[in-house]
Amino acid sequence: MTAIARRVVVSGRVQGVFFRNCTRREASRLEVKGWVRNRSDGRVEAWFEGPPAAVAELVRWCKHGPRHASVDDVEVAEAQPAGHTIFAVR
């Protein structure tokens, strides 16, 4: 399997709406590894790595997020896989 990685920064009403935990659940379902965390500027940042189709689906999910989120923008940057073996909420 050829893994890819993406660094994602999500802005909008994305903190305090279970965005991180829901991202972890989606990543687990898709078998994507990496992490997600709240940033001090109110955005959520994540690192996804895994099969291209799974990573792409998780990035698409971030464009709407969980039910109570209101996503304004999703920045996506290509990255080199770092070899994560789990998906963690930081």
N, C-alpha and C. Protein backbone atom coordinates (compact mmCIF):
# COMPACT_ATOMS: atom_id res chain seq x y z
N MET A 1 0.84 -1.19 0.00
CA MET A 1 0.00 0.00 0.00
C MET A 1 0.88 1.24 0.00
N THR A 2 0.57 2.17 -0.85
CA THR A 2 1.25 3.44 -0.87
C THR A 2 0.45 4.43 -0.05
N ALA A 3 1.05 4.91 1.02
CA ALA A 3 0.36 5.86 1.90
C ALA A 3 0.65 7.28 1.44
N ILE A 4 -0.33 8.15 1.65
CA ILE A 4 -0.14 9.58 1.44
C ILE A 4 -0.43 10.28 2.76
N ALA A 5 -0.05 11.54 2.85
CA ALA A 5 -0.33 12.32 4.06
C ALA A 5 -0.84 13.70 3.66
N ARG A 6 -1.71 14.23 4.51
CA ARG A 6 -2.24 15.57 4.32
C ARG A 6 -2.31 16.27 5.67
N ARG A 7 -1.90 17.53 5.69
CA ARG A 7 -2.08 18.39 6.87
C ARG A 7 -3.30 19.24 6.57
N VAL A 8 -4.26 19.25 7.49
CA VAL A 8 -5.54 19.91 7.27
C VAL A 8 -5.79 20.90 8.40
N VAL A 9 -6.23 22.10 8.05
CA VAL A 9 -6.61 23.11 9.04
C VAL A 9 -8.03 23.55 8.71
N VAL A 10 -8.93 23.37 9.69
CA VAL A 10 -10.35 23.64 9.49
C VAL A 10 -10.73 24.87 10.30
N SER A 11 -11.40 25.82 9.65
CA SER A 11 -11.84 27.03 10.36
C SER A 11 -13.36 27.13 10.32
N GLY A 12 -13.89 27.88 11.26
CA GLY A 12 -15.33 28.06 11.42
C GLY A 12 -15.68 27.78 12.87
N ARG A 13 -16.91 27.34 13.10
CA ARG A 13 -17.31 26.94 14.45
C ARG A 13 -16.98 25.45 14.55
N VAL A 14 -15.72 25.18 14.95
CA VAL A 14 -15.22 23.81 14.94
C VAL A 14 -14.66 23.37 16.29
N GLN A 15 -14.65 24.25 17.27
CA GLN A 15 -14.24 23.86 18.61
C GLN A 15 -15.48 23.86 19.50
N GLY A 16 -15.54 22.90 20.41
CA GLY A 16 -16.68 22.80 21.31
C GLY A 16 -17.88 22.12 20.67
N VAL A 17 -17.68 21.46 19.52
CA VAL A 17 -18.77 20.76 18.83
C VAL A 17 -18.40 19.30 18.54
N PHE A 18 -17.45 18.76 19.30
CA PHE A 18 -17.00 17.38 19.18
C PHE A 18 -16.30 17.09 17.85
N PHE A 19 -15.71 18.12 17.25
CA PHE A 19 -15.03 17.94 15.96
C PHE A 19 -13.88 16.95 16.08
N ARG A 20 -13.06 17.10 17.12
CA ARG A 20 -11.90 16.21 17.27
C ARG A 20 -12.32 14.76 17.47
N ASN A 21 -13.27 14.52 18.36
CA ASN A 21 -13.68 13.15 18.64
C ASN A 21 -14.35 12.52 17.42
N CYS A 22 -15.17 13.28 16.73
CA CYS A 22 -15.82 12.76 15.52
C CYS A 22 -14.79 12.49 14.42
N THR A 23 -13.77 13.33 14.33
CA THR A 23 -12.70 13.10 13.36
C THR A 23 -11.99 11.80 13.69
N ARG A 24 -11.73 11.56 14.97
CA ARG A 24 -11.08 10.31 15.38
C ARG A 24 -11.93 9.10 14.99
N ARG A 25 -13.24 9.20 15.19
CA ARG A 25 -14.12 8.09 14.81
C ARG A 25 -14.11 7.84 13.31
N GLU A 26 -14.17 8.92 12.53
CA GLU A 26 -14.13 8.77 11.07
C GLU A 26 -12.79 8.19 10.62
N ALA A 27 -11.71 8.66 11.22
CA ALA A 27 -10.38 8.13 10.87
C ALA A 27 -10.29 6.64 11.19
N SER A 28 -10.83 6.25 12.33
CA SER A 28 -10.82 4.83 12.71
C SER A 28 -11.62 4.01 11.71
N ARG A 29 -12.78 4.51 11.34
CA ARG A 29 -13.63 3.80 10.36
C ARG A 29 -12.91 3.61 9.03
N LEU A 30 -12.14 4.64 8.63
CA LEU A 30 -11.45 4.62 7.35
C LEU A 30 -10.04 4.03 7.43
N GLU A 31 -9.60 3.69 8.65
CA GLU A 31 -8.25 3.17 8.89
C GLU A 31 -7.17 4.17 8.50
N VAL A 32 -7.43 5.44 8.80
CA VAL A 32 -6.47 6.52 8.59
C VAL A 32 -5.75 6.77 9.91
N LYS A 33 -4.46 7.00 9.86
CA LYS A 33 -3.65 7.27 11.05
C LYS A 33 -3.30 8.74 11.10
N GLY A 34 -2.83 9.20 12.28
CA GLY A 34 -2.41 10.59 12.43
C GLY A 34 -2.90 11.19 13.72
N TRP A 35 -3.37 12.43 13.67
CA TRP A 35 -3.81 13.13 14.88
C TRP A 35 -4.71 14.30 14.52
N VAL A 36 -5.39 14.82 15.56
CA VAL A 36 -6.21 16.02 15.43
C VAL A 36 -6.09 16.80 16.73
N ARG A 37 -6.08 18.13 16.62
CA ARG A 37 -5.96 18.97 17.83
C ARG A 37 -6.64 20.31 17.60
N ASN A 38 -7.04 20.93 18.73
CA ASN A 38 -7.52 22.31 18.69
C ASN A 38 -6.32 23.24 18.65
N ARG A 39 -6.44 24.32 17.92
CA ARG A 39 -5.40 25.35 17.89
C ARG A 39 -5.86 26.54 18.72
N SER A 40 -4.91 27.31 19.19
CA SER A 40 -5.24 28.48 20.02
C SER A 40 -5.99 29.56 19.24
N ASP A 41 -5.93 29.52 17.91
CA ASP A 41 -6.63 30.52 17.10
C ASP A 41 -8.08 30.13 16.80
N GLY A 42 -8.58 29.05 17.42
CA GLY A 42 -9.96 28.64 17.23
C GLY A 42 -10.18 27.64 16.11
N ARG A 43 -9.13 27.33 15.37
CA ARG A 43 -9.25 26.35 14.30
C ARG A 43 -8.88 24.96 14.81
N VAL A 44 -9.16 23.96 14.00
CA VAL A 44 -8.77 22.58 14.28
C VAL A 44 -7.74 22.17 13.23
N GLU A 45 -6.66 21.56 13.69
CA GLU A 45 -5.60 21.10 12.81
C GLU A 45 -5.52 19.58 12.88
N ALA A 46 -5.27 18.94 11.75
CA ALA A 46 -5.18 17.49 11.72
C ALA A 46 -4.10 17.03 10.76
N TRP A 47 -3.61 15.83 11.02
CA TRP A 47 -2.64 15.15 10.16
C TRP A 47 -3.25 13.80 9.81
N PHE A 48 -3.44 13.55 8.53
CA PHE A 48 -4.02 12.29 8.07
C PHE A 48 -3.01 11.57 7.21
N GLU A 49 -2.85 10.28 7.43
CA GLU A 49 -2.04 9.48 6.52
C GLU A 49 -2.62 8.08 6.38
N GLY A 50 -2.51 7.57 5.16
CA GLY A 50 -3.06 6.26 4.86
C GLY A 50 -3.28 6.11 3.37
N PRO A 51 -4.14 5.18 2.99
CA PRO A 51 -4.44 4.98 1.56
C PRO A 51 -5.04 6.24 0.96
N PRO A 52 -4.68 6.57 -0.28
CA PRO A 52 -5.17 7.81 -0.91
C PRO A 52 -6.68 7.99 -0.86
N ALA A 53 -7.45 6.95 -1.16
CA ALA A 53 -8.91 7.10 -1.18
C ALA A 53 -9.45 7.38 0.22
N ALA A 54 -8.90 6.74 1.24
CA ALA A 54 -9.36 6.94 2.61
C ALA A 54 -9.02 8.34 3.10
N VAL A 55 -7.81 8.80 2.81
CA VAL A 55 -7.41 10.15 3.21
C VAL A 55 -8.29 11.18 2.51
N ALA A 56 -8.54 10.98 1.22
CA ALA A 56 -9.39 11.91 0.47
C ALA A 56 -10.81 11.95 1.05
N GLU A 57 -11.34 10.80 1.46
CA GLU A 57 -12.68 10.77 2.04
C GLU A 57 -12.71 11.51 3.38
N LEU A 58 -11.66 11.36 4.19
CA LEU A 58 -11.62 12.05 5.48
C LEU A 58 -11.48 13.56 5.28
N VAL A 59 -10.71 13.98 4.29
CA VAL A 59 -10.61 15.41 3.99
C VAL A 59 -11.97 15.95 3.55
N ARG A 60 -12.70 15.20 2.72
CA ARG A 60 -14.04 15.62 2.30
C ARG A 60 -14.97 15.73 3.50
N TRP A 61 -14.88 14.77 4.44
CA TRP A 61 -15.70 14.81 5.65
C TRP A 61 -15.45 16.10 6.43
N CYS A 62 -14.19 16.54 6.48
CA CYS A 62 -13.84 17.76 7.23
C CYS A 62 -14.53 18.99 6.68
N LYS A 63 -14.97 18.95 5.45
CA LYS A 63 -15.62 20.12 4.84
C LYS A 63 -17.00 20.39 5.43
N HIS A 64 -17.55 19.42 6.15
CA HIS A 64 -18.81 19.66 6.86
C HIS A 64 -18.69 19.30 8.34
N GLY A 65 -17.87 18.31 8.68
CA GLY A 65 -17.65 17.94 10.07
C GLY A 65 -18.88 17.36 10.74
N PRO A 66 -18.89 17.32 12.08
CA PRO A 66 -20.02 16.77 12.80
C PRO A 66 -21.24 17.70 12.73
N ARG A 67 -22.34 17.21 13.21
CA ARG A 67 -23.64 17.89 13.08
C ARG A 67 -23.65 19.34 13.55
N HIS A 68 -23.03 19.65 14.67
CA HIS A 68 -23.11 21.01 15.22
C HIS A 68 -22.00 21.94 14.73
N ALA A 69 -21.11 21.44 13.89
CA ALA A 69 -20.03 22.27 13.36
C ALA A 69 -20.56 23.15 12.22
N SER A 70 -19.86 24.25 12.01
CA SER A 70 -20.13 25.12 10.88
C SER A 70 -18.77 25.45 10.25
N VAL A 71 -18.43 24.72 9.21
CA VAL A 71 -17.10 24.84 8.60
C VAL A 71 -17.11 25.97 7.57
N ASP A 72 -16.16 26.90 7.74
CA ASP A 72 -16.01 28.01 6.80
C ASP A 72 -14.95 27.72 5.74
N ASP A 73 -13.88 27.04 6.14
CA ASP A 73 -12.77 26.81 5.21
C ASP A 73 -11.98 25.59 5.65
N VAL A 74 -11.41 24.88 4.68
CA VAL A 74 -10.52 23.75 4.94
C VAL A 74 -9.28 23.94 4.10
N GLU A 75 -8.15 24.13 4.76
CA GLU A 75 -6.86 24.24 4.08
C GLU A 75 -6.23 22.86 4.07
N VAL A 76 -5.76 22.42 2.92
CA VAL A 76 -5.16 21.10 2.78
C VAL A 76 -3.78 21.24 2.15
N ALA A 77 -2.79 20.64 2.78
CA ALA A 77 -1.43 20.67 2.25
C ALA A 77 -0.89 19.25 2.15
N GLU A 78 -0.26 18.94 1.03
CA GLU A 78 0.38 17.64 0.88
C GLU A 78 1.57 17.56 1.83
N ALA A 79 1.83 16.34 2.30
CA ALA A 79 2.95 16.12 3.22
C ALA A 79 3.50 14.72 2.99
N GLN A 80 4.65 14.46 3.56
CA GLN A 80 5.26 13.14 3.50
C GLN A 80 4.76 12.33 4.69
N PRO A 81 4.33 11.08 4.49
CA PRO A 81 3.89 10.26 5.61
C PRO A 81 4.97 10.17 6.69
N ALA A 82 4.53 10.24 7.94
CA ALA A 82 5.45 10.21 9.08
C ALA A 82 5.47 8.85 9.77
N GLY A 83 4.66 7.92 9.29
CA GLY A 83 4.66 6.57 9.87
C GLY A 83 3.82 6.43 11.12
N HIS A 84 2.78 7.25 11.28
CA HIS A 84 1.89 7.11 12.43
C HIS A 84 1.24 5.72 12.41
N THR A 85 1.05 5.15 13.59
CA THR A 85 0.46 3.83 13.71
C THR A 85 -0.92 3.85 14.37
N ILE A 86 -1.33 5.00 14.87
CA ILE A 86 -2.64 5.20 15.50
C ILE A 86 -3.19 6.53 15.06
N PHE A 87 -4.44 6.83 15.45
CA PHE A 87 -4.99 8.16 15.28
C PHE A 87 -5.28 8.69 16.68
N ALA A 88 -4.69 9.83 16.99
CA ALA A 88 -4.78 10.38 18.34
C ALA A 88 -5.46 11.73 18.37
N VAL A 89 -6.20 11.98 19.44
CA VAL A 89 -6.74 13.30 19.73
C VAL A 89 -5.74 13.95 20.66
N ARG A 90 -5.21 15.09 20.25
CA ARG A 90 -4.20 15.79 21.07
C ARG A 90 -4.82 16.95 21.81
